[in-house]
PDB file of N, CA and C in Angstrom:
ATOM      1  N   MET A   1    -122.470-170.223-195.072  1.00  0.00           N
ATOM      2  CA  MET A   1    -122.448-170.651-193.692  1.00  0.00           C
ATOM      3  C   MET A   1    -123.889-170.692-193.172  1.00  0.00           C
ATOM      4  N   LYS A   2    -124.224-171.762-192.544  1.00  0.00           N
ATOM      5  CA  LYS A   2    -125.584-171.963-192.034  1.00  0.00           C
ATOM      6  C   LYS A   2    -125.735-171.257-190.675  1.00  0.00           C
ATOM      7  N   ALA A   3    -126.815-170.474-190.524  1.00  0.00           N
ATOM      8  CA  ALA A   3    -127.082-169.776-189.273  1.00  0.00           C
ATOM      9  C   ALA A   3    -127.572-170.763-188.221  1.00  0.00           C
ATOM     10  N   HIS A   4    -127.404-170.384-186.971  1.00  0.00           N
ATOM     11  CA  HIS A   4    -127.897-171.195-185.862  1.00  0.00           C
ATOM     12  C   HIS A   4    -129.399-171.376-186.031  1.00  0.00           C
ATOM     13  N   GLU A   5    -129.906-172.505-185.605  1.00  0.00           N
ATOM     14  CA  GLU A   5    -131.328-172.807-185.822  1.00  0.00           C
ATOM     15  C   GLU A   5    -132.264-171.805-185.157  1.00  0.00           C
ATOM     16  N   ALA A   6    -131.818-171.148-184.103  1.00  0.00           N
ATOM     17  CA  ALA A   6    -132.672-170.169-183.422  1.00  0.00           C
ATOM     18  C   ALA A   6    -132.384-168.731-183.880  1.00  0.00           C
ATOM     19  N   HIS A   7    -131.539-168.578-184.907  1.00  0.00           N
ATOM     20  CA  HIS A   7    -131.147-167.248-185.370  1.00  0.00           C
ATOM     21  C   HIS A   7    -132.353-166.395-185.776  1.00  0.00           C
ATOM     22  N   ASP A   8    -133.211-166.936-186.591  1.00  0.00           N
ATOM     23  CA  ASP A   8    -134.368-166.165-187.064  1.00  0.00           C
ATOM     24  C   ASP A   8    -135.278-165.749-185.917  1.00  0.00           C
ATOM     25  N   ASP A   9    -135.505-166.665-184.970  1.00  0.00           N
ATOM     26  CA  ASP A   9    -136.350-166.334-183.819  1.00  0.00           C
ATOM     27  C   ASP A   9    -135.710-165.238-182.962  1.00  0.00           C
ATOM     28  N   ALA A  10    -134.404-165.328-182.751  1.00  0.00           N
ATOM     29  CA  ALA A  10    -133.704-164.328-181.943  1.00  0.00           C
ATOM     30  C   ALA A  10    -133.736-162.971-182.641  1.00  0.00           C
ATOM     31  N   GLN A  11    -133.524-162.960-183.938  1.00  0.00           N
ATOM     32  CA  GLN A  11    -133.533-161.697-184.681  1.00  0.00           C
ATOM     33  C   GLN A  11    -134.920-161.057-184.642  1.00  0.00           C
ATOM     34  N   GLU A  12    -135.939-161.878-184.733  1.00  0.00           N
ATOM     35  CA  GLU A  12    -137.300-161.349-184.652  1.00  0.00           C
ATOM     36  C   GLU A  12    -137.570-160.788-183.254  1.00  0.00           C
ATOM     37  N   TRP A  13    -137.101-161.475-182.218  1.00  0.00           N
ATOM     38  CA  TRP A  13    -137.304-161.036-180.842  1.00  0.00           C
ATOM     39  C   TRP A  13    -136.549-159.727-180.578  1.00  0.00           C
ATOM     40  N   LEU A  14    -135.327-159.599-181.108  1.00  0.00           N
ATOM     41  CA  LEU A  14    -134.515-158.395-180.898  1.00  0.00           C
ATOM     42  C   LEU A  14    -135.023-157.200-181.693  1.00  0.00           C
ATOM     43  N   GLY A  15    -135.630-157.438-182.805  1.00  0.00           N
ATOM     44  CA  GLY A  15    -136.158-156.367-183.634  1.00  0.00           C
ATOM     45  C   GLY A  15    -135.169-155.919-184.686  1.00  0.00           C
ATOM     46  N   GLU A  16    -135.660-155.119-185.615  1.00  0.00           N
ATOM     47  CA  GLU A  16    -134.838-154.679-186.737  1.00  0.00           C
ATOM     48  C   GLU A  16    -133.768-153.664-186.335  1.00  0.00           C
ATOM     49  N   GLU A  17    -133.958-152.960-185.216  1.00  0.00           N
ATOM     50  CA  GLU A  17    -133.000-151.935-184.808  1.00  0.00           C
ATOM     51  C   GLU A  17    -131.778-152.508-184.097  1.00  0.00           C
ATOM     52  N   PHE A  18    -131.738-153.805-183.858  1.00  0.00           N
ATOM     53  CA  PHE A  18    -130.615-154.418-183.152  1.00  0.00           C
ATOM     54  C   PHE A  18    -129.340-154.329-183.985  1.00  0.00           C
ATOM     55  N   ASP A  19    -128.281-153.825-183.355  1.00  0.00           N
ATOM     56  CA  ASP A  19    -126.965-153.728-183.992  1.00  0.00           C
ATOM     57  C   ASP A  19    -125.984-154.532-183.144  1.00  0.00           C
ATOM     58  N   PRO A  20    -125.578-155.726-183.593  1.00  0.00           N
ATOM     59  CA  PRO A  20    -124.698-156.564-182.778  1.00  0.00           C
ATOM     60  C   PRO A  20    -123.321-155.948-182.553  1.00  0.00           C
ATOM     61  N   ALA A  21    -122.918-154.981-183.345  1.00  0.00           N
ATOM     62  CA  ALA A  21    -121.611-154.343-183.187  1.00  0.00           C
ATOM     63  C   ALA A  21    -121.645-153.219-182.144  1.00  0.00           C
ATOM     64  N   TYR A  22    -122.832-152.782-181.734  1.00  0.00           N
ATOM     65  CA  TYR A  22    -122.952-151.674-180.793  1.00  0.00           C
ATOM     66  C   TYR A  22    -123.031-152.207-179.375  1.00  0.00           C
ATOM     67  N   PHE A  23    -122.206-151.655-178.505  1.00  0.00           N
ATOM     68  CA  PHE A  23    -122.260-152.007-177.084  1.00  0.00           C
ATOM     69  C   PHE A  23    -121.826-150.778-176.292  1.00  0.00           C
ATOM     70  N   ASP A  24    -122.637-150.336-175.368  1.00  0.00           N
ATOM     71  CA  ASP A  24    -122.349-149.157-174.563  1.00  0.00           C
ATOM     72  C   ASP A  24    -122.172-149.588-173.106  1.00  0.00           C
ATOM     73  N   ILE A  25    -120.906-149.753-172.703  1.00  0.00           N
ATOM     74  CA  ILE A  25    -120.612-150.242-171.355  1.00  0.00           C
ATOM     75  C   ILE A  25    -121.167-149.308-170.282  1.00  0.00           C
ATOM     76  N   GLU A  26    -121.128-147.990-170.510  1.00  0.00           N
ATOM     77  CA  GLU A  26    -121.647-147.053-169.523  1.00  0.00           C
ATOM     78  C   GLU A  26    -123.153-147.224-169.343  1.00  0.00           C
ATOM     79  N   HIS A  27    -123.857-147.472-170.465  1.00  0.00           N
ATOM     80  CA  HIS A  27    -125.307-147.679-170.387  1.00  0.00           C
ATOM     81  C   HIS A  27    -125.614-148.960-169.598  1.00  0.00           C
ATOM     82  N   VAL A  28    -124.887-150.011-169.877  1.00  0.00           N
ATOM     83  CA  VAL A  28    -125.105-151.289-169.175  1.00  0.00           C
ATOM     84  C   VAL A  28    -124.791-151.125-167.692  1.00  0.00           C
ATOM     85  N   ASN A  29    -123.670-150.493-167.374  1.00  0.00           N
ATOM     86  CA  ASN A  29    -123.316-150.285-165.970  1.00  0.00           C
ATOM     87  C   ASN A  29    -124.349-149.434-165.249  1.00  0.00           C
ATOM     88  N   ALA A  30    -124.866-148.408-165.928  1.00  0.00           N
ATOM     89  CA  ALA A  30    -125.903-147.569-165.325  1.00  0.00           C
ATOM     90  C   ALA A  30    -127.165-148.387-165.058  1.00  0.00           C
ATOM     91  N   MET A  31    -127.525-149.250-166.001  1.00  0.00           N
ATOM     92  CA  MET A  31    -128.710-150.109-165.817  1.00  0.00           C
ATOM     93  C   MET A  31    -128.513-151.062-164.634  1.00  0.00           C
ATOM     94  N   LEU A  32    -127.281-151.530-164.449  1.00  0.00           N
ATOM     95  CA  LEU A  32    -126.983-152.463-163.360  1.00  0.00           C
ATOM     96  C   LEU A  32    -126.667-151.750-162.049  1.00  0.00           C
ATOM     97  N   GLY A  33    -126.570-150.422-162.114  1.00  0.00           N
ATOM     98  CA  GLY A  33    -126.243-149.655-160.923  1.00  0.00           C
ATOM     99  C   GLY A  33    -124.779-149.768-160.528  1.00  0.00           C
ATOM    100  N   LEU A  34    -123.895-149.980-161.502  1.00  0.00           N
ATOM    101  CA  LEU A  34    -122.469-150.144-161.226  1.00  0.00           C
ATOM    102  C   LEU A  34    -121.708-148.859-161.537  1.00  0.00           C
ATOM    103  N   ASP A  35    -120.664-148.633-160.769  1.00  0.00           N
ATOM    104  CA  ASP A  35    -119.759-147.514-161.008  1.00  0.00           C
ATOM    105  C   ASP A  35    -118.353-148.090-160.971  1.00  0.00           C
ATOM    106  N   ILE A  36    -117.568-147.901-162.033  1.00  0.00           N
ATOM    107  CA  ILE A  36    -116.240-148.492-162.135  1.00  0.00           C
ATOM    108  C   ILE A  36    -115.361-148.085-160.959  1.00  0.00           C
ATOM    109  N   GLU A  37    -115.562-146.889-160.414  1.00  0.00           N
ATOM    110  CA  GLU A  37    -114.767-146.427-159.272  1.00  0.00           C
ATOM    111  C   GLU A  37    -114.955-147.323-158.047  1.00  0.00           C
ATOM    112  N   ASP A  38    -116.111-148.013-157.967  1.00  0.00           N
ATOM    113  CA  ASP A  38    -116.358-148.914-156.842  1.00  0.00           C
ATOM    114  C   ASP A  38    -115.430-150.119-156.860  1.00  0.00           C
ATOM    115  N   PHE A  39    -114.848-150.427-158.017  1.00  0.00           N
ATOM    116  CA  PHE A  39    -114.021-151.615-158.165  1.00  0.00           C
ATOM    117  C   PHE A  39    -112.526-151.312-158.141  1.00  0.00           C
ATOM    118  N   LEU A  40    -112.160-150.039-158.168  1.00  0.00           N
ATOM    119  CA  LEU A  40    -110.755-149.647-158.184  1.00  0.00           C
ATOM    120  C   LEU A  40    -110.277-149.336-156.774  1.00  0.00           C
ATOM    121  N   PRO A  41    -109.035-149.698-156.474  1.00  0.00           N
ATOM    122  CA  PRO A  41    -108.524-149.321-155.157  1.00  0.00           C
ATOM    123  C   PRO A  41    -108.382-147.804-155.075  1.00  0.00           C
ATOM    124  N   SER A  42    -108.567-147.280-153.896  1.00  0.00           N
ATOM    125  CA  SER A  42    -108.449-145.829-153.756  1.00  0.00           C
ATOM    126  C   SER A  42    -106.984-145.409-153.818  1.00  0.00           C
ATOM    127  N   SER A  43    -106.771-144.204-154.276  1.00  0.00           N
ATOM    128  CA  SER A  43    -105.422-143.662-154.324  1.00  0.00           C
ATOM    129  C   SER A  43    -104.974-143.308-152.917  1.00  0.00           C
ATOM    130  N   PRO A  44    -103.715-143.556-152.618  1.00  0.00           N
ATOM    131  CA  PRO A  44    -103.231-143.174-151.290  1.00  0.00           C
ATOM    132  C   PRO A  44    -103.173-141.648-151.169  1.00  0.00           C
ATOM    133  N   VAL A  45    -103.181-141.183-149.948  1.00  0.00           N
ATOM    134  CA  VAL A  45    -103.112-139.741-149.689  1.00  0.00           C
ATOM    135  C   VAL A  45    -101.862-139.493-148.850  1.00  0.00           C
ATOM    136  N   TYR A  46    -101.035-138.580-149.318  1.00  0.00           N
ATOM    137  CA  TYR A  46     -99.834-138.196-148.584  1.00  0.00           C
ATOM    138  C   TYR A  46     -99.913-136.706-148.260  1.00  0.00           C
ATOM    139  N   GLU A  47     -99.617-136.366-147.033  1.00  0.00           N
ATOM    140  CA  GLU A  47     -99.511-134.964-146.644  1.00  0.00           C
ATOM    141  C   GLU A  47     -98.165-134.440-147.130  1.00  0.00           C
ATOM    142  N   GLY A  48     -98.099-133.151-147.416  1.00  0.00           N
ATOM    143  CA  GLY A  48     -96.856-132.541-147.875  1.00  0.00           C
ATOM    144  C   GLY A  48     -95.698-132.751-146.913  1.00  0.00           C
ATOM    145  N   THR A  49     -95.985-132.643-145.617  1.00  0.00           N
ATOM    146  CA  THR A  49     -94.924-132.825-144.613  1.00  0.00           C
ATOM    147  C   THR A  49     -94.434-134.267-144.593  1.00  0.00           C
ATOM    148  N   GLU A  50     -95.328-135.213-144.822  1.00  0.00           N
ATOM    149  CA  GLU A  50     -94.953-136.636-144.875  1.00  0.00           C
ATOM    150  C   GLU A  50     -94.019-136.887-146.051  1.00  0.00           C
ATOM    151  N   LEU A  51     -94.353-136.313-147.215  1.00  0.00           N
ATOM    152  CA  LEU A  51     -93.504-136.482-148.397  1.00  0.00           C
ATOM    153  C   LEU A  51     -92.154-135.808-148.198  1.00  0.00           C
ATOM    154  N   ALA A  52     -92.156-134.623-147.603  1.00  0.00           N
ATOM    155  CA  ALA A  52     -90.906-133.895-147.379  1.00  0.00           C
ATOM    156  C   ALA A  52     -89.972-134.666-146.451  1.00  0.00           C
ATOM    157  N   ALA A  53     -90.548-135.462-145.538  1.00  0.00           N
ATOM    158  CA  ALA A  53     -89.741-136.224-144.585  1.00  0.00           C
ATOM    159  C   ALA A  53     -89.231-137.547-145.166  1.00  0.00           C
ATOM    160  N   MET A  54     -89.780-137.975-146.297  1.00  0.00           N
ATOM    161  CA  MET A  54     -89.366-139.254-146.895  1.00  0.00           C
ATOM    162  C   MET A  54     -87.992-139.137-147.547  1.00  0.00           C
ATOM    163  N   SER A  55     -87.237-140.217-147.463  1.00  0.00           N
ATOM    164  CA  SER A  55     -85.964-140.290-148.186  1.00  0.00           C
ATOM    165  C   SER A  55     -86.259-140.514-149.663  1.00  0.00           C
ATOM    166  N   GLU A  56     -85.251-140.340-150.490  1.00  0.00           N
ATOM    167  CA  GLU A  56     -85.441-140.579-151.920  1.00  0.00           C
ATOM    168  C   GLU A  56     -85.817-142.038-152.177  1.00  0.00           C
ATOM    169  N   SER A  57     -85.168-142.965-151.472  1.00  0.00           N
ATOM    170  CA  SER A  57     -85.522-144.381-151.663  1.00  0.00           C
ATOM    171  C   SER A  57     -86.943-144.655-151.180  1.00  0.00           C
ATOM    172  N   GLY A  58     -87.377-143.957-150.130  1.00  0.00           N
ATOM    173  CA  GLY A  58     -88.754-144.093-149.663  1.00  0.00           C
ATOM    174  C   GLY A  58     -89.752-143.588-150.695  1.00  0.00           C
ATOM    175  N   LEU A  59     -89.408-142.482-151.356  1.00  0.00           N
ATOM    176  CA  LEU A  59     -90.275-141.966-152.422  1.00  0.00           C
ATOM    177  C   LEU A  59     -90.365-142.959-153.578  1.00  0.00           C
ATOM    178  N   LEU A  60     -89.216-143.520-153.970  1.00  0.00           N
ATOM    179  CA  LEU A  60     -89.219-144.514-155.057  1.00  0.00           C
ATOM    180  C   LEU A  60     -90.022-145.744-154.670  1.00  0.00           C
ATOM    181  N   ASP A  61     -89.887-146.184-153.425  1.00  0.00           N
ATOM    182  CA  ASP A  61     -90.676-147.321-152.951  1.00  0.00           C
ATOM    183  C   ASP A  61     -92.170-147.008-153.019  1.00  0.00           C
ATOM    184  N   SER A  62     -92.550-145.784-152.637  1.00  0.00           N
ATOM    185  CA  SER A  62     -93.962-145.396-152.692  1.00  0.00           C
ATOM    186  C   SER A  62     -94.480-145.378-154.125  1.00  0.00           C
ATOM    187  N   LEU A  63     -93.649-144.920-155.055  1.00  0.00           N
ATOM    188  CA  LEU A  63     -94.050-144.964-156.467  1.00  0.00           C
ATOM    189  C   LEU A  63     -94.310-146.392-156.899  1.00  0.00           C
ATOM    190  N   ALA A  64     -93.400-147.300-156.532  1.00  0.00           N
ATOM    191  CA  ALA A  64     -93.542-148.703-156.932  1.00  0.00           C
ATOM    192  C   ALA A  64     -94.765-149.350-156.284  1.00  0.00           C
ATOM    193  N   GLU A  65     -94.988-149.067-155.011  1.00  0.00           N
ATOM    194  CA  GLU A  65     -96.113-149.684-154.291  1.00  0.00           C
ATOM    195  C   GLU A  65     -97.459-149.257-154.847  1.00  0.00           C
ATOM    196  N   ASN A  66     -97.547-148.015-155.295  1.00  0.00           N
ATOM    197  CA  ASN A  66     -98.840-147.470-155.706  1.00  0.00           C
ATOM    198  C   ASN A  66     -99.146-147.636-157.186  1.00  0.00           C
ATOM    199  N   GLY A  67     -98.189-148.061-157.977  1.00  0.00           N
ATOM    200  CA  GLY A  67     -98.430-148.337-159.387  1.00  0.00           C
ATOM    201  C   GLY A  67     -99.121-147.195-160.099  1.00  0.00           C
ATOM    202  N   ASP A  68    -100.249-147.497-160.723  1.00  0.00           N
ATOM    203  CA  ASP A  68    -100.950-146.474-161.502  1.00  0.00           C
ATOM    204  C   ASP A  68    -101.907-145.632-160.656  1.00  0.00           C
ATOM    205  N   ARG A  69    -101.852-145.761-159.347  1.00  0.00           N
ATOM    206  CA  ARG A  69    -102.702-144.966-158.457  1.00  0.00           C
ATOM    207  C   ARG A  69    -101.873-143.955-157.657  1.00  0.00           C
ATOM    208  N   VAL A  70    -100.746-143.548-158.214  1.00  0.00           N
ATOM    209  CA  VAL A  70     -99.843-142.616-157.535  1.00  0.00           C
ATOM    210  C   VAL A  70    -100.480-141.235-157.480  1.00  0.00           C
ATOM    211  N   PRO A  71    -100.542-140.630-156.292  1.00  0.00           N
ATOM    212  CA  PRO A  71    -101.101-139.281-156.201  1.00  0.00           C
ATOM    213  C   PRO A  71    -100.147-138.243-156.787  1.00  0.00           C
ATOM    214  N   ARG A  72    -100.709-137.182-157.278  1.00  0.00           N
ATOM    215  CA  ARG A  72     -99.940-136.141-157.955  1.00  0.00           C
ATOM    216  C   ARG A  72     -98.863-135.536-157.059  1.00  0.00           C
ATOM    217  N   ASN A  73     -99.176-135.354-155.766  1.00  0.00           N
ATOM    218  CA  ASN A  73     -98.181-134.699-154.913  1.00  0.00           C
ATOM    219  C   ASN A  73     -96.940-135.580-154.695  1.00  0.00           C
ATOM    220  N   LEU A  74     -97.067-136.892-154.798  1.00  0.00           N
ATOM    221  CA  LEU A  74     -95.901-137.786-154.726  1.00  0.00           C
ATOM    222  C   LEU A  74     -95.026-137.599-155.967  1.00  0.00           C
ATOM    223  N   ILE A  75     -95.649-137.525-157.114  1.00  0.00           N
ATOM    224  CA  ILE A  75     -94.909-137.283-158.364  1.00  0.00           C
ATOM    225  C   ILE A  75     -94.229-135.917-158.300  1.00  0.00           C
ATOM    226  N   ASP A  76     -94.952-134.918-157.820  1.00  0.00           N
ATOM    227  CA  ASP A  76     -94.385-133.568-157.715  1.00  0.00           C
ATOM    228  C   ASP A  76     -93.174-133.542-156.781  1.00  0.00           C
ATOM    229  N   GLU A  77     -93.246-134.272-155.676  1.00  0.00           N
ATOM    230  CA  GLU A  77     -92.115-134.305-154.739  1.00  0.00           C
ATOM    231  C   GLU A  77     -90.902-134.978-155.383  1.00  0.00           C
ATOM    232  N   CYS A  78     -91.122-136.046-156.123  1.00  0.00           N
ATOM    233  CA  CYS A  78     -90.012-136.697-156.832  1.00  0.00           C
ATOM    234  C   CYS A  78     -89.408-135.740-157.861  1.00  0.00           C
ATOM    235  N   ALA A  79     -90.255-135.039-158.591  1.00  0.00           N
ATOM    236  CA  ALA A  79     -89.768-134.085-159.592  1.00  0.00           C
ATOM    237  C   ALA A  79     -89.007-132.945-158.919  1.00  0.00           C
ATOM    238  N   ARG A  80     -89.478-132.485-157.769  1.00  0.00           N
ATOM    239  CA  ARG A  80     -88.821-131.405-157.043  1.00  0.00           C
ATOM    240  C   ARG A  80     -87.401-131.806-156.640  1.00  0.00           C
ATOM    241  N   ARG A  81     -87.225-133.079-156.301  1.00  0.00           N
ATOM    242  CA  ARG A  81     -85.899-133.543-155.871  1.00  0.00           C
ATOM    243  C   ARG A  81     -84.999-133.921-157.043  1.00  0.00           C
ATOM    244  N   GLY A  82     -85.543-133.972-158.235  1.00  0.00           N
ATOM    245  CA  GLY A  82     -84.805-134.175-159.477  1.00  0.00           C
ATOM    246  C   GLY A  82     -83.575-135.053-159.423  1.00  0.00           C
ATOM    247  N   ASP A  83     -82.397-134.427-159.372  1.00  0.00           N
ATOM    248  CA  ASP A  83     -81.132-135.158-159.436  1.00  0.00           C
ATOM    249  C   ASP A  83     -80.973-136.161-158.299  1.00  0.00           C
ATOM    250  N   ALA A  84     -81.446-135.822-157.102  1.00  0.00           N
ATOM    251  CA  ALA A  84     -81.320-136.745-155.968  1.00  0.00           C
ATOM    252  C   ALA A  84     -82.129-138.022-156.214  1.00  0.00           C
ATOM    253  N   ILE A  85     -83.316-137.877-156.788  1.00  0.00           N
ATOM    254  CA  ILE A  85     -84.134-139.057-157.120  1.00  0.00           C
ATOM    255  C   ILE A  85     -83.424-139.866-158.191  1.00  0.00           C
ATOM    256  N   TRP A  86     -82.931-139.192-159.214  1.00  0.00           N
ATOM    257  CA  TRP A  86     -82.237-139.883-160.306  1.00  0.00           C
ATOM    258  C   TRP A  86     -81.026-140.652-159.778  1.00  0.00           C
ATOM    259  N   MET A  87     -80.234-140.025-158.918  1.00  0.00           N
ATOM    260  CA  MET A  87     -79.060-140.688-158.361  1.00  0.00           C
ATOM    261  C   MET A  87     -79.464-141.911-157.557  1.00  0.00           C
ATOM    262  N   ASN A  88     -80.512-141.791-156.747  1.00  0.00           N
ATOM    263  CA  ASN A  88     -80.965-142.919-155.940  1.00  0.00           C
ATOM    264  C   ASN A  88     -81.443-144.052-156.828  1.00  0.00           C
ATOM    265  N   TRP A  89     -82.199-143.703-157.855  1.00  0.00           N
ATOM    266  CA  TRP A  89     -82.693-144.722-158.786  1.00  0.00           C
ATOM    267  C   TRP A  89     -81.522-145.402-159.495  1.00  0.00           C
ATOM    268  N   SER A  90     -80.560-144.626-159.953  1.00  0.00           N
ATOM    269  CA  SER A  90     -79.443-145.192-160.704  1.00  0.00           C
ATOM    270  C   SER A  90     -78.541-146.041-159.826  1.00  0.00           C
ATOM    271  N   LEU A  91     -78.531-145.817-158.502  1.00  0.00           N
ATOM    272  CA  LEU A  91     -77.740-146.651-157.603  1.00  0.00           C
ATOM    273  C   LEU A  91     -78.366-148.024-157.371  1.00  0.00           C
ATOM    274  N   CYS A  92     -79.683-148.110-157.501  1.00  0.00           N
ATOM    275  CA  CYS A  92     -80.334-149.393-157.216  1.00  0.00           C
ATOM    276  C   CYS A  92     -80.763-150.135-158.473  1.00  0.00           C
ATOM    277  N   CYS A  93     -80.826-149.461-159.593  1.00  0.00           N
ATOM    278  CA  CYS A  93     -81.290-150.086-160.828  1.00  0.00           C
ATOM    279  C   CYS A  93     -80.297-149.800-161.942  1.00  0.00           C
ATOM    280  N   LYS A  94     -80.262-150.670-162.912  1.00  0.00           N
ATOM    281  CA  LYS A  94     -79.436-150.400-164.086  1.00  0.00           C
ATOM    282  C   LYS A  94     -80.267-150.681-165.331  1.00  0.00           C
ATOM    283  N   PRO A  95     -80.059-149.929-166.397  1.00  0.00           N
ATOM    284  CA  PRO A  95     -80.835-150.163-167.613  1.00  0.00           C
ATOM    285  C   PRO A  95     -80.627-151.575-168.143  1.00  0.00           C
ATOM    286  N   GLY A  96     -81.718-152.191-168.575  1.00  0.00           N
ATOM    287  CA  GLY A  96     -81.637-153.508-169.184  1.00  0.00           C
ATOM    288  C   GLY A  96     -81.252-153.385-170.650  1.00  0.00           C
ATOM    289  N   LEU A  97     -81.271-154.481-171.336  1.00  0.00           N
ATOM    290  CA  LEU A  97     -80.871-154.485-172.736  1.00  0.00           C
ATOM    291  C   LEU A  97     -81.989-154.056-173.661  1.00  0.00           C
ATOM    292  N   THR A  98     -83.210-154.000-173.174  1.00  0.00           N
ATOM    293  CA  THR A  98     -84.344-153.684-174.045  1.00  0.00           C
ATOM    294  C   THR A  98     -85.064-152.435-173.568  1.00  0.00           C
ATOM    295  N   GLY A  99     -84.561-151.296-173.942  1.00  0.00           N
ATOM    296  CA  GLY A  99     -85.241-150.034-173.686  1.00  0.00           C
ATOM    297  C   GLY A  99     -85.433-149.742-172.214  1.00  0.00           C
ATOM    298  N   MET A 100     -86.701-149.555-171.804  1.00  0.00           N
ATOM    299  CA  MET A 100     -87.008-149.145-170.447  1.00  0.00           C
ATOM    300  C   MET A 100     -87.020-150.305-169.459  1.00  0.00           C
ATOM    301  N   ARG A 101     -86.837-151.504-169.929  1.00  0.00           N
ATOM    302  CA  ARG A 101     -86.828-152.653-169.029  1.00  0.00           C
ATOM    303  C   ARG A 101     -85.673-152.515-168.050  1.00  0.00           C
ATOM    304  N   GLN A 102     -85.885-152.842-166.804  1.00  0.00           N
ATOM    305  CA  GLN A 102     -84.875-152.629-165.772  1.00  0.00           C
ATOM    306  C   GLN A 102     -84.484-153.944-165.111  1.00  0.00           C
ATOM    307  N   THR A 103     -83.249-153.995-164.638  1.00  0.00           N
ATOM    308  CA  THR A 103     -82.748-155.133-163.888  1.00  0.00           C
ATOM    309  C   THR A 103     -82.362-154.632-162.507  1.00  0.00           C
ATOM    310  N   MET A 104     -82.809-155.300-161.471  1.00  0.00           N
ATOM    311  CA  MET A 104     -82.496-154.879-160.113  1.00  0.00           C
ATOM    312  C   MET A 104     -81.090-155.306-159.720  1.00  0.00           C
ATOM    313  N   ARG A 105     -80.383-154.451-159.028  1.00  0.00           N
ATOM    314  CA  ARG A 105     -79.110-154.806-158.424  1.00  0.00           C
ATOM    315  C   ARG A 105     -79.410-155.417-157.063  1.00  0.00           C
ATOM    316  N   PRO A 106     -78.613-156.364-156.612  1.00  0.00           N
ATOM    317  CA  PRO A 106     -78.853-156.975-155.293  1.00  0.00           C
ATOM    318  C   PRO A 106     -78.932-155.916-154.203  1.00  0.00           C
ATOM    319  N   GLY A 107     -79.945-156.019-153.361  1.00  0.00           N
ATOM    320  CA  GLY A 107     -80.117-155.092-152.254  1.00  0.00           C
ATOM    321  C   GLY A 107     -80.648-153.733-152.671  1.00  0.00           C
ATOM    322  N   GLY A 108     -81.055-153.592-153.917  1.00  0.00           N
ATOM    323  CA  GLY A 108     -81.535-152.312-154.408  1.00  0.00           C
ATOM    324  C   GLY A 108     -82.954-152.014-153.962  1.00  0.00           C
ATOM    325  N   CYS A 109     -83.465-150.900-154.415  1.00  0.00           N
ATOM    326  CA  CYS A 109     -84.830-150.498-154.050  1.00  0.00           C
ATOM    327  C   CYS A 109     -85.857-151.376-154.759  1.00  0.00           C
ATOM    328  N   ARG A 110     -87.098-151.135-154.426  1.00  0.00           N
ATOM    329  CA  ARG A 110     -88.184-151.916-155.009  1.00  0.00           C
ATOM    330  C   ARG A 110     -88.799-151.234-156.207  1.00  0.00           C
ATOM    331  N   CYS A 111     -88.160-150.230-156.762  1.00  0.00           N
ATOM    332  CA  CYS A 111     -88.813-149.392-157.768  1.00  0.00           C
ATOM    333  C   CYS A 111     -89.160-150.133-159.047  1.00  0.00           C
ATOM    334  N   MET A 112     -88.616-151.288-159.298  1.00  0.00           N
ATOM    335  CA  MET A 112     -88.969-152.012-160.520  1.00  0.00           C
ATOM    336  C   MET A 112     -89.465-153.424-160.228  1.00  0.00           C
ATOM    337  N   ARG A 113     -89.847-153.699-159.008  1.00  0.00           N
ATOM    338  CA  ARG A 113     -90.344-155.042-158.684  1.00  0.00           C
ATOM    339  C   ARG A 113     -91.739-155.228-159.203  1.00  0.00           C
TER     340      ARG A 113
END
């Protein structure tokens, strides 16, 4: 296979220590002054009393709305309610044919939207 016509010049400019397989994203971001947290949405904050006042369907809706940014205390509140959360989820959703995939029942919660 023939190398690009500027290959030799580029290799000479990069030097012998150049490793095309090596890439350090943290080093590049630091050089550019970037922080990945600046690009991520912030996690919501729920007070304990706010969570305690939420219905089970409200808790499930909050889980769905927040996706992978769910705060720990929301998860803990759902776990604390255990069977009540499970019953609420099972009333609005039914298992699909492929493992964890879910199908919404009409008028159900938003937990799998």
